[in-house]
Amino acid sequence: MRKLIIVLSIMACYANVLLAEAPKEDAVVNTATTEEKPAASTDSESTKSMVRYSLLGGTVPVIFLFGVKAWDWRGDHSFYSNREYWFGQSTEFGGADKAGHFLAHHMLERGLYQVFDWTENGGSRKYIYSIGMAETVGFMIEIGDGFSSHYGFSYEDFVVDSVGILSGALLDYYPVAGGFLGFSGRYIPTGGYRHNEHDKNKIDATLGFVNDYSGWTYMANLKLAGFERVGVHLPLALRLLQFDIGFGSKGYTSYDKGRYARPHKREIVYGISLNSAQLLDESLSESSRSGAIYTTTHKALEFYHVPVEKEYHHTL
């Protein structure tokens, strides 16, 4: 999970460049004279090409170089695989790492889709690029791990990566379904994490939260706001509600030791919560729902589950 968050950050850098450029294109087209419009169009296509080929050609080398430096991809021993299994009680993290892989690659595909939807002017290649790049990133990470001294190639990780990517692609292809269904993660730092991070350098402390699995819950969200997309208008109070079902594990990490130790436990979480992305939309006029700040904030609220809910826990 730590590695995947870094990859998502790399993708976010490209996405921010894209989102910053898109409004500028509209502004030029609306205000330019007839003679200036072709130049604006040329500039726009040039920007789109730069973003497209930066992602397609630059992502793999960046990940490879980072992996060699940070993840021990030095190839100083033979390739090997590591059987991690799935969501069982006896797995290393009780399955929370697999749920994290699913969510991270789901987010990755959907973020890439948004970028390539713009660069390809809505053309069908956006699916090839977004799915292909997300799969390439996941597979390359596992191959690199196969040559590391700490991880090993994980068949299970790659499978859940692919399921996360496929789920993202389906919601992109069927936006009505995307109005009803989403996937998100909620994080509340554990006491062990807050205590132990004081002893680490700033970089380790910043990245360490993704391994604090006892503080994470990974959720599927059924959003009532989706009824608007099929022509059914609900009152505001209902549009802001979503039903959640999630999974998490407790007691499996290095932060769950000493006075913060707890028994190994896996649990299903279910309940009702606030659809914070919908709340953002309801708070803004339709004309304000554009631009880099709005888009970035909306995506963050889609994927991060704001802890405003009524929920119940069932131990597996």
Protein backbone atom coordinates (compact mmCIF):
# COMPACT_ATOMS: atom_id res chain seq x y z
CA MET A 1 0.00 0.00 0.00
CA ARG A 2 2.84 2.42 0.79
CA LYS A 3 4.29 1.95 -2.67
CA LEU A 4 0.94 2.42 -4.38
CA ILE A 5 0.23 5.71 -2.64
CA ILE A 6 3.53 7.07 -4.01
CA VAL A 7 2.54 5.96 -7.52
CA LEU A 8 -0.80 7.72 -7.13
CA SER A 9 1.02 10.87 -6.11
CA ILE A 10 3.06 10.72 -9.32
CA MET A 11 -0.15 10.40 -11.34
CA ALA A 12 -1.72 13.26 -9.42
CA CYS A 13 1.10 15.57 -10.51
CA TYR A 14 0.22 14.94 -14.16
CA ALA A 15 -3.49 15.31 -13.44
CA ASN A 16 -3.01 18.68 -11.76
CA VAL A 17 -1.19 19.97 -14.83
CA LEU A 18 -4.04 18.76 -17.00
CA LEU A 19 -6.80 20.22 -14.84
CA ALA A 20 -5.01 23.54 -14.66
CA GLU A 21 -4.82 23.71 -18.45
CA ALA A 22 -8.39 22.73 -19.28
CA PRO A 23 -10.13 25.91 -18.08
CA LYS A 24 -7.56 28.03 -19.91
CA GLU A 25 -8.51 26.39 -23.17
CA ASP A 26 -12.18 27.30 -22.71
CA ALA A 27 -11.30 30.86 -21.78
CA VAL A 28 -9.23 31.38 -24.92
CA VAL A 29 -11.90 29.95 -27.21
CA ASN A 30 -14.62 32.16 -25.73
CA THR A 31 -12.72 35.42 -25.97
CA ALA A 32 -10.45 35.04 -28.98
CA THR A 33 -11.20 36.54 -32.38
CA THR A 34 -11.87 34.35 -35.40
CA GLU A 35 -8.24 34.64 -36.48
CA GLU A 36 -6.92 33.60 -33.08
CA LYS A 37 -9.04 30.43 -32.62
CA PRO A 38 -6.90 28.10 -34.76
CA ALA A 39 -3.81 29.04 -32.76
CA ALA A 40 -5.65 28.36 -29.51
CA SER A 41 -6.72 24.97 -30.80
CA THR A 42 -3.15 24.15 -31.81
CA ASP A 43 -1.88 25.15 -28.38
CA SER A 44 -4.51 22.98 -26.74
CA GLU A 45 -3.68 19.90 -28.79
CA SER A 46 0.00 20.45 -28.11
CA THR A 47 -0.68 20.49 -24.36
CA LYS A 48 -2.79 17.36 -24.61
CA SER A 49 -0.05 15.58 -26.55
CA MET A 50 2.51 16.58 -23.95
CA VAL A 51 0.39 15.19 -21.10
CA ARG A 52 -0.49 12.03 -23.05
CA TYR A 53 3.07 11.11 -23.96
CA SER A 54 4.45 12.17 -20.59
CA LEU A 55 2.16 9.61 -18.97
CA LEU A 56 2.62 6.89 -21.57
CA GLY A 57 6.37 7.28 -21.90
CA GLY A 58 7.46 8.68 -18.57
CA THR A 59 5.57 6.78 -15.89
CA VAL A 60 7.32 3.42 -16.22
CA PRO A 61 10.89 4.86 -16.12
CA VAL A 62 9.98 7.03 -13.13
CA ILE A 63 8.55 4.06 -11.23
CA PHE A 64 11.53 1.88 -12.16
CA LEU A 65 14.09 4.44 -10.96
CA PHE A 66 12.13 5.06 -7.80
CA GLY A 67 11.81 1.33 -7.17
CA VAL A 68 15.55 0.79 -7.55
CA LYS A 69 16.21 3.55 -5.06
CA ALA A 70 13.42 3.06 -2.52
CA TRP A 71 12.11 -0.49 -2.86
CA ASP A 72 15.33 -2.49 -3.31
CA TRP A 73 14.75 -3.39 -6.99
CA ARG A 74 18.46 -4.07 -7.53
CA GLY A 75 18.22 -7.50 -9.11
CA ASP A 76 21.07 -8.84 -6.98
CA HIS A 77 19.30 -12.20 -6.55
CA SER A 78 16.95 -14.38 -8.55
CA PHE A 79 13.30 -13.57 -9.15
CA TYR A 80 10.98 -15.15 -6.60
CA SER A 81 7.30 -15.09 -5.68
CA ASN A 82 5.67 -14.82 -2.28
CA ARG A 83 2.36 -16.54 -1.61
CA GLU A 84 0.38 -14.12 0.55
CA TYR A 85 -3.12 -15.62 0.27
CA TRP A 86 -6.22 -13.43 0.50
CA PHE A 87 -8.37 -12.23 3.43
CA GLY A 88 -7.85 -15.02 5.95
CA GLN A 89 -7.31 -14.64 9.67
CA SER A 90 -3.80 -16.07 9.36
CA THR A 91 -2.58 -13.79 6.54
CA GLU A 92 0.03 -11.13 7.28
CA PHE A 93 -2.43 -8.24 7.57
CA GLY A 94 -5.73 -10.08 7.78
CA GLY A 95 -6.58 -9.08 4.22
CA ALA A 96 -6.44 -5.31 4.77
CA ASP A 97 -3.47 -5.02 2.39
CA LYS A 98 -5.52 -6.68 -0.36
CA ALA A 99 -8.40 -4.26 0.19
CA GLY A 100 -5.86 -1.43 0.04
CA HIS A 101 -4.46 -2.69 -3.28
CA PHE A 102 -7.99 -2.84 -4.70
CA LEU A 103 -8.82 0.74 -3.67
CA ALA A 104 -5.47 2.18 -4.78
CA HIS A 105 -5.72 0.71 -8.29
CA HIS A 106 -9.39 1.61 -8.55
CA MET A 107 -8.42 5.20 -7.80
CA LEU A 108 -5.49 5.02 -10.19
CA GLU A 109 -7.61 3.85 -13.13
CA ARG A 110 -10.31 6.45 -12.52
CA GLY A 111 -7.76 9.24 -12.22
CA LEU A 112 -6.02 8.16 -15.43
CA TYR A 113 -9.37 7.88 -17.19
CA GLN A 114 -10.16 11.50 -16.39
CA VAL A 115 -6.81 12.61 -17.76
CA PHE A 116 -7.06 10.55 -20.95
CA ASP A 117 -10.69 11.51 -21.50
CA TRP A 118 -9.37 15.04 -21.91
CA THR A 119 -6.26 14.26 -23.93
CA GLU A 120 -8.22 11.99 -26.33
CA ASN A 121 -11.18 14.40 -26.65
CA GLY A 122 -13.52 11.69 -25.36
CA GLY A 123 -12.29 9.09 -27.88
CA SER A 124 -12.31 5.38 -27.13
CA ARG A 125 -8.51 5.27 -26.71
CA LYS A 126 -9.05 6.72 -23.25
CA TYR A 127 -10.10 3.25 -22.07
CA ILE A 128 -7.08 1.55 -23.62
CA TYR A 129 -4.71 4.09 -22.11
CA SER A 130 -6.26 4.26 -18.61
CA ILE A 131 -6.71 0.50 -18.18
CA GLY A 132 -3.41 -0.33 -19.87
CA MET A 133 -1.39 2.15 -17.83
CA ALA A 134 -2.97 1.11 -14.53
CA GLU A 135 -2.32 -2.59 -15.29
CA THR A 136 1.24 -1.79 -16.35
CA VAL A 137 1.92 0.06 -13.11
CA GLY A 138 0.54 -2.80 -11.00
CA PHE A 139 2.39 -5.51 -12.93
CA MET A 140 5.66 -3.60 -12.97
CA ILE A 141 5.55 -3.09 -9.20
CA GLU A 142 5.05 -6.81 -8.65
CA ILE A 143 7.86 -7.72 -11.08
CA GLY A 144 10.18 -5.28 -9.32
CA ASP A 145 9.18 -6.74 -5.96
CA GLY A 146 10.09 -10.17 -7.32
CA PHE A 147 13.73 -9.05 -7.45
CA SER A 148 13.70 -7.25 -4.10
CA SER A 149 14.91 -8.72 -0.85
CA HIS A 150 11.81 -7.67 1.09
CA TYR A 151 8.64 -8.32 -0.91
CA GLY A 152 8.54 -10.90 -3.71
CA PHE A 153 6.07 -11.13 -6.58
CA SER A 154 2.54 -11.51 -5.22
CA TYR A 155 -0.01 -13.16 -7.48
CA GLU A 156 -2.77 -12.16 -5.06
CA ASP A 157 -1.77 -8.49 -5.12
CA PHE A 158 -1.85 -8.42 -8.92
CA VAL A 159 -5.28 -10.08 -9.01
CA VAL A 160 -6.87 -7.55 -6.64
CA ASP A 161 -5.08 -4.74 -8.51
CA SER A 162 -6.77 -5.93 -11.70
CA VAL A 163 -10.18 -6.24 -10.05
CA GLY A 164 -9.85 -2.68 -8.76
CA ILE A 165 -8.91 -1.48 -12.25
CA LEU A 166 -11.83 -3.34 -13.87
CA SER A 167 -14.31 -1.94 -11.37
CA GLY A 168 -13.06 1.58 -12.09
CA ALA A 169 -13.31 1.05 -15.85
CA LEU A 170 -16.89 -0.24 -15.53
CA LEU A 171 -17.96 2.81 -13.53
CA ASP A 172 -16.28 5.06 -16.11
CA TYR A 173 -18.05 3.26 -18.96
CA TYR A 174 -21.43 3.31 -17.20
CA PRO A 175 -21.65 6.73 -15.51
CA VAL A 176 -25.19 6.05 -14.30
CA ALA A 177 -23.82 3.13 -12.29
CA GLY A 178 -21.04 5.43 -11.08
CA GLY A 179 -23.72 7.74 -9.70
CA PHE A 180 -25.01 4.95 -7.47
CA LEU A 181 -21.84 3.09 -6.56
CA GLY A 182 -18.44 4.18 -5.31
CA PHE A 183 -15.46 2.89 -3.36
CA SER A 184 -13.67 4.79 -0.62
CA GLY A 185 -11.35 4.47 2.35
CA ARG A 186 -11.52 5.92 5.83
CA TYR A 187 -8.47 6.43 8.00
CA ILE A 188 -8.27 7.31 11.70
CA PRO A 189 -4.68 7.15 13.08
CA THR A 190 -4.15 4.56 15.79
CA GLY A 191 -2.45 5.28 19.09
CA GLY A 192 0.49 3.10 18.11
CA TYR A 193 1.04 5.02 14.89
CA ARG A 194 0.84 8.42 16.60
CA HIS A 195 3.34 7.29 19.24
CA ASN A 196 5.83 5.55 16.95
CA GLU A 197 5.96 8.17 14.22
CA HIS A 198 7.60 10.65 16.59
CA ASP A 199 10.74 8.49 16.42
CA LYS A 200 11.01 8.53 12.59
CA ASN A 201 12.19 11.07 10.08
CA LYS A 202 9.62 13.27 8.35
CA ILE A 203 9.43 11.23 5.14
CA ASP A 204 8.89 7.93 6.94
CA ALA A 205 6.33 9.58 9.20
CA THR A 206 4.43 10.97 6.22
CA LEU A 207 4.28 7.64 4.38
CA GLY A 208 3.85 5.42 7.42
CA PHE A 209 0.13 6.02 7.79
CA VAL A 210 -0.68 3.81 4.80
CA ASN A 211 0.71 0.81 6.70
CA ASP A 212 -1.34 1.62 9.80
CA TYR A 213 -3.97 -0.92 8.73
CA SER A 214 -5.78 -0.95 12.07
CA GLY A 215 -6.80 2.63 11.34
CA TRP A 216 -8.14 1.89 7.85
CA THR A 217 -11.58 0.78 6.69
CA TYR A 218 -12.20 0.11 2.99
CA MET A 219 -15.77 0.63 1.83
CA ALA A 220 -18.25 0.26 -1.00
CA ASN A 221 -20.80 3.08 -1.00
CA LEU A 222 -24.36 2.95 -2.38
CA LYS A 223 -25.28 6.59 -3.05
CA LEU A 224 -28.88 7.78 -3.14
CA ALA A 225 -27.79 10.79 -5.20
CA GLY A 226 -27.55 8.40 -8.15
CA PHE A 227 -31.33 8.55 -8.55
CA GLU A 228 -30.89 12.06 -9.99
CA ARG A 229 -29.16 10.46 -13.00
CA VAL A 230 -32.23 8.39 -13.81
CA GLY A 231 -34.67 11.27 -13.44
CA VAL A 232 -35.84 10.61 -9.87
CA HIS A 233 -35.57 13.73 -7.70
CA LEU A 234 -35.13 13.12 -4.00
CA PRO A 235 -35.16 15.63 -1.13
CA LEU A 236 -31.78 17.10 -0.21
CA ALA A 237 -31.56 15.10 3.02
CA LEU A 238 -31.83 11.84 1.07
CA ARG A 239 -29.47 12.92 -1.71
CA LEU A 240 -26.77 13.42 0.91
CA LEU A 241 -27.09 9.88 2.31
CA GLN A 242 -25.18 6.77 1.31
CA PHE A 243 -25.22 3.20 2.57
CA ASP A 244 -21.83 1.64 3.29
CA ILE A 245 -20.38 -1.81 3.64
CA GLY A 246 -16.69 -2.15 4.40
CA PHE A 247 -13.84 -4.33 5.60
CA GLY A 248 -10.94 -3.82 7.95
CA SER A 249 -8.50 -5.64 10.21
CA LYS A 250 -7.08 -4.83 13.64
CA GLY A 251 -3.95 -5.86 15.48
CA TYR A 252 -1.75 -7.03 12.59
CA THR A 253 0.79 -4.25 12.12
CA SER A 254 4.01 -3.10 13.78
CA TYR A 255 1.98 -0.27 15.33
CA ASP A 256 -0.10 -2.87 17.25
CA LYS A 257 2.62 -3.91 19.66
CA GLY A 258 3.57 -3.17 23.25
CA ARG A 259 0.98 -1.19 25.14
CA TYR A 260 -0.94 -0.73 21.89
CA ALA A 261 -1.19 -4.47 21.23
CA ARG A 262 -4.60 -5.88 20.39
CA PRO A 263 -5.91 -9.27 19.28
CA HIS A 264 -5.99 -10.08 15.58
CA LYS A 265 -9.46 -9.28 14.29
CA ARG A 266 -11.14 -8.89 10.92
CA GLU A 267 -14.48 -7.15 10.70
CA ILE A 268 -17.28 -6.15 8.38
CA VAL A 269 -18.55 -2.60 8.82
CA TYR A 270 -21.95 -1.42 7.63
CA GLY A 271 -24.09 1.66 8.13
CA ILE A 272 -25.22 5.04 6.79
CA SER A 273 -22.98 8.05 6.18
CA LEU A 274 -22.76 11.49 4.60
CA ASN A 275 -22.00 11.67 0.87
CA SER A 276 -19.46 14.50 1.20
CA ALA A 277 -18.83 14.80 -2.56
CA GLN A 278 -22.55 15.33 -3.10
CA LEU A 279 -22.59 17.90 -0.28
CA LEU A 280 -19.91 19.81 -2.17
CA ASP A 281 -22.02 19.76 -5.33
CA GLU A 282 -25.13 20.88 -3.47
CA SER A 283 -23.18 23.79 -1.95
CA LEU A 284 -22.00 25.16 -5.31
CA SER A 285 -23.79 26.57 -8.32
CA GLU A 286 -23.60 24.52 -11.51
CA SER A 287 -21.29 27.10 -13.10
CA SER A 288 -18.85 26.74 -10.18
CA ARG A 289 -18.45 22.97 -10.62
CA SER A 290 -15.38 23.17 -12.82
CA GLY A 291 -11.69 23.92 -12.67
CA ALA A 292 -8.73 22.33 -10.94
CA ILE A 293 -9.68 23.14 -7.34
CA TYR A 294 -13.23 21.82 -7.67
CA THR A 295 -12.25 18.69 -9.56
CA THR A 296 -9.42 17.80 -7.19
CA THR A 297 -11.59 18.39 -4.11
CA HIS A 298 -14.51 16.42 -5.54
CA LYS A 299 -12.31 13.42 -6.40
CA ALA A 300 -10.71 13.50 -2.96
CA LEU A 301 -14.14 13.43 -1.31
CA GLU A 302 -15.25 10.58 -3.55
CA PHE A 303 -12.34 8.40 -2.48
CA TYR A 304 -11.87 9.47 1.13
CA HIS A 305 -14.73 8.47 3.40
CA VAL A 306 -15.32 11.40 5.77
CA PRO A 307 -16.02 9.86 9.21
CA VAL A 308 -19.55 11.20 9.64
CA GLU A 309 -21.72 8.12 9.95
CA LYS A 310 -23.77 5.69 11.97
CA GLU A 311 -22.20 2.27 11.63
CA TYR A 312 -22.10 -1.22 13.05
CA HIS A 313 -19.30 -3.79 13.26
CA HIS A 314 -19.41 -7.54 12.84
CA THR A 315 -16.34 -9.59 13.70
CA LEU A 316 -15.50 -12.36 11.24
